[in-house]
C-alpha cells in the first residue's frame, strides 16, 4: 500500500483529442501505472523519467481511440502489459476503424494482456477498479480511497457525463453507474475526468444537471 508521502499523481493532456493521461506512482518502489495513454508517448516517457518512475502497467478506462494512441509504442518501449475490461474488446478490435472514422493516424496496438475485473486491486496496490459501464460496455473507473482520488475516464465530467451515442453507449446504464458506483464515494474525492478539468464527487452530486445525486 502506497502511503501519503510516497504517492505520486501527475495528470496531463495528450494526443489529438487531449485525453487526460494520468501517472500514478510510488516513490518508495519507483513503480508506476499509466492510465489512458492517449498519445504523445514521448511526453509520457519524459514525465516518467522526470519523476524517476518505471511503468509496470498501461491501464485503460475504455477502448475509444483517444485513450489508447500511445499504448502500442509504450508497450514496445517499456514491456508494460496492457489492461482493459473484456466487454470493450469489440472496440479494441476495431481501433483502426475508429481512427479512420475520426481522421486520426493509426499505429498498430497489440491485444490487451489482462482483462480488468470489477472491484479488483490495481497493480500499484493502492487503488481498485470499478466497472462503470454506459459510455462503453467495458468502461472502468479507478478509485484510490486513501488518497481521495477517482479517475473516471469518460464516465463523469465536470458538470457533465460521457456521451452515450457512440458504439455500445447507453444513457440509463451510465446514469446507474454514476449514481450507484461513483456518487456513493467520498464527496471530497477529486475526480480526474477523461477530458478537461478535475472536479469532486460532492460538486457533481450537487451541481451536475444531467445526473444529480
C-alpha atoms as a PDB file:
ATOM      1  CA  UNK A   1       0.000   0.000   0.000  1.00  0.00           C
ATOM      2  CA  UNK A   2       1.405   3.380  -1.022  1.00  0.00           C
ATOM      3  CA  UNK A   3       1.492   5.862   1.860  1.00  0.00           C
ATOM      4  CA  UNK A   4       0.506   9.507   1.518  1.00  0.00           C
ATOM      5  CA  UNK A   5       4.041  10.875   1.250  1.00  0.00           C
ATOM      6  CA  UNK A   6       5.140   8.354  -1.387  1.00  0.00           C
ATOM      7  CA  UNK A   7       2.021   8.704  -3.566  1.00  0.00           C
ATOM      8  CA  UNK A   8       2.553  10.469  -6.896  1.00  0.00           C
ATOM      9  CA  UNK A   9      -0.194  11.654  -9.254  1.00  0.00           C
ATOM     10  CA  UNK A  10       0.524  13.505 -12.462  1.00  0.00           C
ATOM     11  CA  UNK A  11      -2.248  14.267 -14.973  1.00  0.00           C
ATOM     12  CA  UNK A  12      -1.713  15.980 -18.320  1.00  0.00           C
ATOM     13  CA  UNK A  13      -3.499  16.107 -21.719  1.00  0.00           C
ATOM     14  CA  UNK A  14      -2.115  14.061 -24.606  1.00  0.00           C
ATOM     15  CA  UNK A  15      -2.968  13.199 -28.192  1.00  0.00           C
ATOM     16  CA  UNK A  16      -5.055  14.927 -30.845  1.00  0.00           C
ATOM     17  CA  UNK A  17      -8.206  14.880 -28.679  1.00  0.00           C
ATOM     18  CA  UNK A  18      -6.422  15.988 -25.498  1.00  0.00           C
ATOM     19  CA  UNK A  19      -7.264  12.946 -23.396  1.00  0.00           C
ATOM     20  CA  UNK A  20      -6.180  13.256 -19.769  1.00  0.00           C
ATOM     21  CA  UNK A  21      -3.377  10.767 -19.158  1.00  0.00           C
ATOM     22  CA  UNK A  22      -2.575  10.046 -15.505  1.00  0.00           C
ATOM     23  CA  UNK A  23       0.568   8.594 -13.968  1.00  0.00           C
ATOM     24  CA  UNK A  24       0.103   7.018 -10.546  1.00  0.00           C
ATOM     25  CA  UNK A  25       3.394   6.232  -8.874  1.00  0.00           C
ATOM     26  CA  UNK A  26       5.079   5.197  -5.653  1.00  0.00           C
ATOM     27  CA  UNK A  27       8.295   7.000  -4.687  1.00  0.00           C
ATOM     28  CA  UNK A  28       9.341   4.149  -2.398  1.00  0.00           C
ATOM     29  CA  UNK A  29       9.268   1.443  -5.082  1.00  0.00           C
ATOM     30  CA  UNK A  30       9.793   3.616  -8.162  1.00  0.00           C
ATOM     31  CA  UNK A  31       6.911   1.818  -9.880  1.00  0.00           C
ATOM     32  CA  UNK A  32       4.003   3.413 -11.713  1.00  0.00           C
ATOM     33  CA  UNK A  33       0.901   2.740 -13.733  1.00  0.00           C
ATOM     34  CA  UNK A  34      -0.131   4.862 -16.700  1.00  0.00           C
ATOM     35  CA  UNK A  35      -3.872   5.359 -17.142  1.00  0.00           C
ATOM     36  CA  UNK A  36      -5.176   6.232 -20.625  1.00  0.00           C
ATOM     37  CA  UNK A  37      -2.009   6.801 -22.673  1.00  0.00           C
ATOM     38  CA  UNK A  38      -3.932   8.606 -25.404  1.00  0.00           C
ATOM     39  CA  UNK A  39      -0.966   9.819 -27.458  1.00  0.00           C
ATOM     40  CA  UNK A  40       2.431  11.524 -27.219  1.00  0.00           C
ATOM     41  CA  UNK A  41       4.399   8.549 -25.957  1.00  0.00           C
ATOM     42  CA  UNK A  42       7.496  10.774 -25.807  1.00  0.00           C
ATOM     43  CA  UNK A  43       5.807  13.176 -23.374  1.00  0.00           C
ATOM     44  CA  UNK A  44       4.595  10.312 -21.182  1.00  0.00           C
ATOM     45  CA  UNK A  45       8.044   8.713 -21.076  1.00  0.00           C
ATOM     46  CA  UNK A  46       9.688  12.054 -20.330  1.00  0.00           C
ATOM     47  CA  UNK A  47       7.314  12.591 -17.399  1.00  0.00           C
ATOM     48  CA  UNK A  48       8.019   9.111 -16.043  1.00  0.00           C
ATOM     49  CA  UNK A  49      11.756   9.796 -16.262  1.00  0.00           C
ATOM     50  CA  UNK A  50      11.345  13.192 -14.600  1.00  0.00           C
ATOM     51  CA  UNK A  51       9.501  11.531 -11.709  1.00  0.00           C
ATOM     52  CA  UNK A  52      12.006   8.669 -11.511  1.00  0.00           C
ATOM     53  CA  UNK A  53       9.340   6.032 -12.164  1.00  0.00           C
ATOM     54  CA  UNK A  54       9.189   2.783 -14.132  1.00  0.00           C
ATOM     55  CA  UNK A  55       5.832   1.889 -15.659  1.00  0.00           C
ATOM     56  CA  UNK A  56       4.545  -1.590 -14.776  1.00  0.00           C
ATOM     57  CA  UNK A  57       1.073  -1.425 -16.381  1.00  0.00           C
ATOM     58  CA  UNK A  58      -0.789   0.502 -19.076  1.00  0.00           C
ATOM     59  CA  UNK A  59      -4.380   0.730 -17.867  1.00  0.00           C
ATOM     60  CA  UNK A  60      -7.364   1.896 -19.903  1.00  0.00           C
ATOM     61  CA  UNK A  61     -10.677   3.297 -18.726  1.00  0.00           C
ATOM     62  CA  UNK A  62     -12.179   2.189 -22.057  1.00  0.00           C
ATOM     63  CA  UNK A  63     -11.268   1.422 -25.658  1.00  0.00           C
ATOM     64  CA  UNK A  64     -12.092   4.569 -27.595  1.00  0.00           C
ATOM     65  CA  UNK A  65      -9.294   5.676 -29.904  1.00  0.00           C
ATOM     66  CA  UNK A  66      -8.324   8.803 -27.954  1.00  0.00           C
ATOM     67  CA  UNK A  67      -7.434   6.766 -24.867  1.00  0.00           C
ATOM     68  CA  UNK A  68      -5.036   4.281 -26.488  1.00  0.00           C
ATOM     69  CA  UNK A  69      -2.982   6.053 -29.169  1.00  0.00           C
ATOM     70  CA  UNK A  70       0.352   5.702 -27.331  1.00  0.00           C
ATOM     71  CA  UNK A  71      -0.310   2.238 -25.893  1.00  0.00           C
ATOM     72  CA  UNK A  72       1.438   0.234 -28.603  1.00  0.00           C
ATOM     73  CA  UNK A  73       4.578   2.341 -28.603  1.00  0.00           C
ATOM     74  CA  UNK A  74       4.752   2.439 -24.804  1.00  0.00           C
ATOM     75  CA  UNK A  75       4.390  -1.325 -24.568  1.00  0.00           C
ATOM     76  CA  UNK A  76       7.111  -1.776 -27.177  1.00  0.00           C
ATOM     77  CA  UNK A  77       9.490   0.564 -25.356  1.00  0.00           C
ATOM     78  CA  UNK A  78       8.770  -0.474 -21.755  1.00  0.00           C
ATOM     79  CA  UNK A  79       7.355  -4.004 -21.928  1.00  0.00           C
ATOM     80  CA  UNK A  80       4.472  -2.943 -19.663  1.00  0.00           C
ATOM     81  CA  UNK A  81       1.300  -5.045 -20.119  1.00  0.00           C
ATOM     82  CA  UNK A  82      -1.968  -3.559 -21.402  1.00  0.00           C
ATOM     83  CA  UNK A  83      -5.077  -3.717 -19.163  1.00  0.00           C
ATOM     84  CA  UNK A  84      -8.706  -3.348 -20.337  1.00  0.00           C
ATOM     85  CA  UNK A  85     -12.170  -4.603 -19.408  1.00  0.00           C
ATOM     86  CA  UNK A  86     -13.164  -7.511 -21.643  1.00  0.00           C
ATOM     87  CA  UNK A  87     -16.528  -6.004 -22.612  1.00  0.00           C
ATOM     88  CA  UNK A  88     -14.638  -3.389 -24.630  1.00  0.00           C
ATOM     89  CA  UNK A  89     -12.814  -5.995 -26.709  1.00  0.00           C
ATOM     90  CA  UNK A  90     -15.094  -5.315 -29.696  1.00  0.00           C
ATOM     91  CA  UNK A  91     -13.944  -1.684 -29.630  1.00  0.00           C
ATOM     92  CA  UNK A  92     -10.283  -2.637 -29.236  1.00  0.00           C
ATOM     93  CA  UNK A  93     -10.620  -4.966 -32.225  1.00  0.00           C
ATOM     94  CA  UNK A  94     -11.821  -2.004 -34.303  1.00  0.00           C
ATOM     95  CA  UNK A  95      -9.280   0.612 -33.231  1.00  0.00           C
ATOM     96  CA  UNK A  96      -8.094   1.079 -36.803  1.00  0.00           C
ATOM     97  CA  UNK A  97     -11.663   1.704 -37.965  1.00  0.00           C
ATOM     98  CA  UNK A  98     -12.214   4.209 -35.154  1.00  0.00           C
ATOM     99  CA  UNK A  99      -9.108   6.125 -36.189  1.00  0.00           C
ATOM    100  CA  UNK A 100     -10.210   6.137 -39.814  1.00  0.00           C
ATOM    101  CA  UNK A 101     -13.635   7.486 -38.855  1.00  0.00           C
ATOM    102  CA  UNK A 102     -12.122  10.401 -36.919  1.00  0.00           C
ATOM    103  CA  UNK A 103      -9.264  11.042 -39.343  1.00  0.00           C
ATOM    104  CA  UNK A 104      -6.567  10.143 -36.830  1.00  0.00           C
ATOM    105  CA  UNK A 105      -3.409   8.242 -37.895  1.00  0.00           C
ATOM    106  CA  UNK A 106      -3.465   4.639 -36.645  1.00  0.00           C
ATOM    107  CA  UNK A 107      -0.450   2.968 -35.054  1.00  0.00           C
ATOM    108  CA  UNK A 108      -0.851  -0.806 -34.544  1.00  0.00           C
ATOM    109  CA  UNK A 109      -1.589  -1.846 -30.974  1.00  0.00           C
ATOM    110  CA  UNK A 110      -1.276  -5.417 -29.651  1.00  0.00           C
ATOM    111  CA  UNK A 111      -4.151  -7.180 -27.927  1.00  0.00           C
ATOM    112  CA  UNK A 112      -4.633  -6.486 -24.214  1.00  0.00           C
ATOM    113  CA  UNK A 113      -2.592  -8.693 -21.915  1.00  0.00           C
ATOM    114  CA  UNK A 114      -5.025  -8.639 -19.000  1.00  0.00           C
ATOM    115  CA  UNK A 115      -8.774  -8.232 -18.586  1.00  0.00           C
ATOM    116  CA  UNK A 116      -9.715  -5.928 -15.727  1.00  0.00           C
ATOM    117  CA  UNK A 117     -12.449  -7.092 -13.357  1.00  0.00           C
ATOM    118  CA  UNK A 118     -14.824  -5.161 -11.137  1.00  0.00           C
ATOM    119  CA  UNK A 119     -13.571  -4.471  -7.613  1.00  0.00           C
ATOM    120  CA  UNK A 120     -10.091  -5.865  -8.215  1.00  0.00           C
ATOM    121  CA  UNK A 121      -6.963  -4.228  -6.845  1.00  0.00           C
ATOM    122  CA  UNK A 122      -4.815  -2.350  -9.336  1.00  0.00           C
ATOM    123  CA  UNK A 123      -1.166  -3.338  -9.924  1.00  0.00           C
ATOM    124  CA  UNK A 124       0.083  -0.380  -7.867  1.00  0.00           C
ATOM    125  CA  UNK A 125      -1.601  -1.816  -4.787  1.00  0.00           C
ATOM    126  CA  UNK A 126      -3.174   1.500  -3.866  1.00  0.00           C
ATOM    127  CA  UNK A 127      -6.411   1.560  -5.846  1.00  0.00           C
ATOM    128  CA  UNK A 128      -9.342  -0.513  -7.052  1.00  0.00           C
ATOM    129  CA  UNK A 129     -11.014  -0.927 -10.446  1.00  0.00           C
ATOM    130  CA  UNK A 130     -14.731  -0.131 -10.644  1.00  0.00           C
ATOM    131  CA  UNK A 131     -16.824  -1.315 -13.593  1.00  0.00           C
ATOM    132  CA  UNK A 132     -18.860   1.761 -14.590  1.00  0.00           C
ATOM    133  CA  UNK A 133     -20.484   0.912 -17.954  1.00  0.00           C
ATOM    134  CA  UNK A 134     -22.597   3.271 -20.013  1.00  0.00           C
ATOM    135  CA  UNK A 135     -20.148   5.325 -22.069  1.00  0.00           C
ATOM    136  CA  UNK A 136     -18.969   1.941 -23.323  1.00  0.00           C
ATOM    137  CA  UNK A 137     -19.900  -1.542 -22.047  1.00  0.00           C
ATOM    138  CA  UNK A 138     -16.478  -2.012 -20.503  1.00  0.00           C
ATOM    139  CA  UNK A 139     -15.893   1.466 -19.089  1.00  0.00           C
ATOM    140  CA  UNK A 140     -13.887   1.439 -15.860  1.00  0.00           C
ATOM    141  CA  UNK A 141     -13.160   3.984 -13.146  1.00  0.00           C
ATOM    142  CA  UNK A 142     -10.241   3.713 -10.740  1.00  0.00           C
ATOM    143  CA  UNK A 143     -10.613   4.700  -7.091  1.00  0.00           C
ATOM    144  CA  UNK A 144      -7.742   5.427  -4.726  1.00  0.00           C
ATOM    145  CA  UNK A 145      -9.646   5.624  -1.461  1.00  0.00           C
ATOM    146  CA  UNK A 146      -6.846   6.520   0.905  1.00  0.00           C
ATOM    147  CA  UNK A 147      -5.810   9.355  -1.399  1.00  0.00           C
ATOM    148  CA  UNK A 148      -9.367  10.571  -2.135  1.00  0.00           C
ATOM    149  CA  UNK A 149      -8.838  10.278  -5.873  1.00  0.00           C
ATOM    150  CA  UNK A 150     -11.053   8.905  -8.636  1.00  0.00           C
ATOM    151  CA  UNK A 151     -10.027   8.500 -12.271  1.00  0.00           C
ATOM    152  CA  UNK A 152     -13.388   8.468 -14.046  1.00  0.00           C
ATOM    153  CA  UNK A 153     -12.385   8.308 -17.709  1.00  0.00           C
ATOM    154  CA  UNK A 154     -15.276   9.422 -19.898  1.00  0.00           C
ATOM    155  CA  UNK A 155     -17.966   8.350 -17.412  1.00  0.00           C
ATOM    156  CA  UNK A 156     -18.146  11.566 -15.383  1.00  0.00           C
ATOM    157  CA  UNK A 157     -17.071  15.081 -16.336  1.00  0.00           C
ATOM    158  CA  UNK A 158     -17.216  18.427 -14.581  1.00  0.00           C
ATOM    159  CA  UNK A 159     -20.942  19.285 -14.738  1.00  0.00           C
ATOM    160  CA  UNK A 160     -21.475  16.689 -17.456  1.00  0.00           C
ATOM    161  CA  UNK A 161     -21.259  12.972 -18.268  1.00  0.00           C
ATOM    162  CA  UNK A 162     -19.819  10.852 -21.064  1.00  0.00           C
ATOM    163  CA  UNK A 163     -21.658  10.738 -24.352  1.00  0.00           C
ATOM    164  CA  UNK A 164     -23.769   7.646 -24.999  1.00  0.00           C
ATOM    165  CA  UNK A 165     -24.337   7.961 -28.759  1.00  0.00           C
ATOM    166  CA  UNK A 166     -21.192   6.035 -29.731  1.00  0.00           C
ATOM    167  CA  UNK A 167     -20.704   2.276 -30.054  1.00  0.00           C
ATOM    168  CA  UNK A 168     -22.204   0.441 -27.065  1.00  0.00           C
ATOM    169  CA  UNK A 169     -23.232   3.597 -25.203  1.00  0.00           C
ATOM    170  CA  UNK A 170     -26.415   3.666 -23.114  1.00  0.00           C
ATOM    171  CA  UNK A 171     -27.764   6.572 -21.045  1.00  0.00           C
ATOM    172  CA  UNK A 172     -29.668   4.532 -18.452  1.00  0.00           C
ATOM    173  CA  UNK A 173     -26.588   2.415 -17.858  1.00  0.00           C
ATOM    174  CA  UNK A 174     -24.207   5.342 -17.388  1.00  0.00           C
ATOM    175  CA  UNK A 175     -26.727   7.062 -15.119  1.00  0.00           C
ATOM    176  CA  UNK A 176     -26.890   3.944 -12.939  1.00  0.00           C
ATOM    177  CA  UNK A 177     -23.091   3.672 -12.863  1.00  0.00           C
ATOM    178  CA  UNK A 178     -22.729   7.271 -11.729  1.00  0.00           C
ATOM    179  CA  UNK A 179     -25.443   7.090  -9.087  1.00  0.00           C
ATOM    180  CA  UNK A 180     -24.625   3.653  -7.681  1.00  0.00           C
ATOM    181  CA  UNK A 181     -20.837   3.432  -8.073  1.00  0.00           C
ATOM    182  CA  UNK A 182     -19.477   6.993  -8.108  1.00  0.00           C
ATOM    183  CA  UNK A 183     -21.856   9.187  -6.108  1.00  0.00           C
ATOM    184  CA  UNK A 184     -21.505   6.821  -3.136  1.00  0.00           C
ATOM    185  CA  UNK A 185     -17.784   7.600  -2.849  1.00  0.00           C
ATOM    186  CA  UNK A 186     -16.242  10.193  -0.546  1.00  0.00           C
ATOM    187  CA  UNK A 187     -17.672  13.582  -1.535  1.00  0.00           C
ATOM    188  CA  UNK A 188     -14.246  15.157  -1.056  1.00  0.00           C
ATOM    189  CA  UNK A 189     -12.651  12.821  -3.604  1.00  0.00           C
ATOM    190  CA  UNK A 190     -11.013  14.598  -6.533  1.00  0.00           C
ATOM    191  CA  UNK A 191     -12.321  13.352  -9.885  1.00  0.00           C
ATOM    192  CA  UNK A 192      -9.884  13.168 -12.792  1.00  0.00           C
ATOM    193  CA  UNK A 193     -12.052  13.307 -15.896  1.00  0.00           C
ATOM    194  CA  UNK A 194     -11.267  11.909 -19.317  1.00  0.00           C
ATOM    195  CA  UNK A 195     -11.011  15.400 -20.794  1.00  0.00           C
ATOM    196  CA  UNK A 196     -10.951  18.839 -19.227  1.00  0.00           C
ATOM    197  CA  UNK A 197     -10.666  19.975 -15.599  1.00  0.00           C
ATOM    198  CA  UNK A 198     -10.876  17.991 -12.383  1.00  0.00           C
ATOM    199  CA  UNK A 199     -13.952  18.147 -10.188  1.00  0.00           C
ATOM    200  CA  UNK A 200     -15.080  16.465  -6.957  1.00  0.00           C
ATOM    201  CA  UNK A 201     -17.738  13.880  -6.201  1.00  0.00           C
ATOM    202  CA  UNK A 202     -19.569  16.338  -3.947  1.00  0.00           C
ATOM    203  CA  UNK A 203     -19.630  19.073  -6.580  1.00  0.00           C
ATOM    204  CA  UNK A 204     -21.148  16.732  -9.150  1.00  0.00           C
ATOM    205  CA  UNK A 205     -23.761  15.386  -6.726  1.00  0.00           C
ATOM    206  CA  UNK A 206     -24.913  18.963  -6.151  1.00  0.00           C
ATOM    207  CA  UNK A 207     -24.187  20.689  -9.467  1.00  0.00           C
ATOM    208  CA  UNK A 208     -24.322  18.139 -12.276  1.00  0.00           C
ATOM    209  CA  UNK A 209     -27.529  18.951 -14.166  1.00  0.00           C
ATOM    210  CA  UNK A 210     -27.569  15.655 -16.101  1.00  0.00           C
ATOM    211  CA  UNK A 211     -27.196  13.203 -13.213  1.00  0.00           C
ATOM    212  CA  UNK A 212     -27.935  14.744  -9.816  1.00  0.00           C
ATOM    213  CA  UNK A 213     -27.235  12.960  -6.572  1.00  0.00           C
END
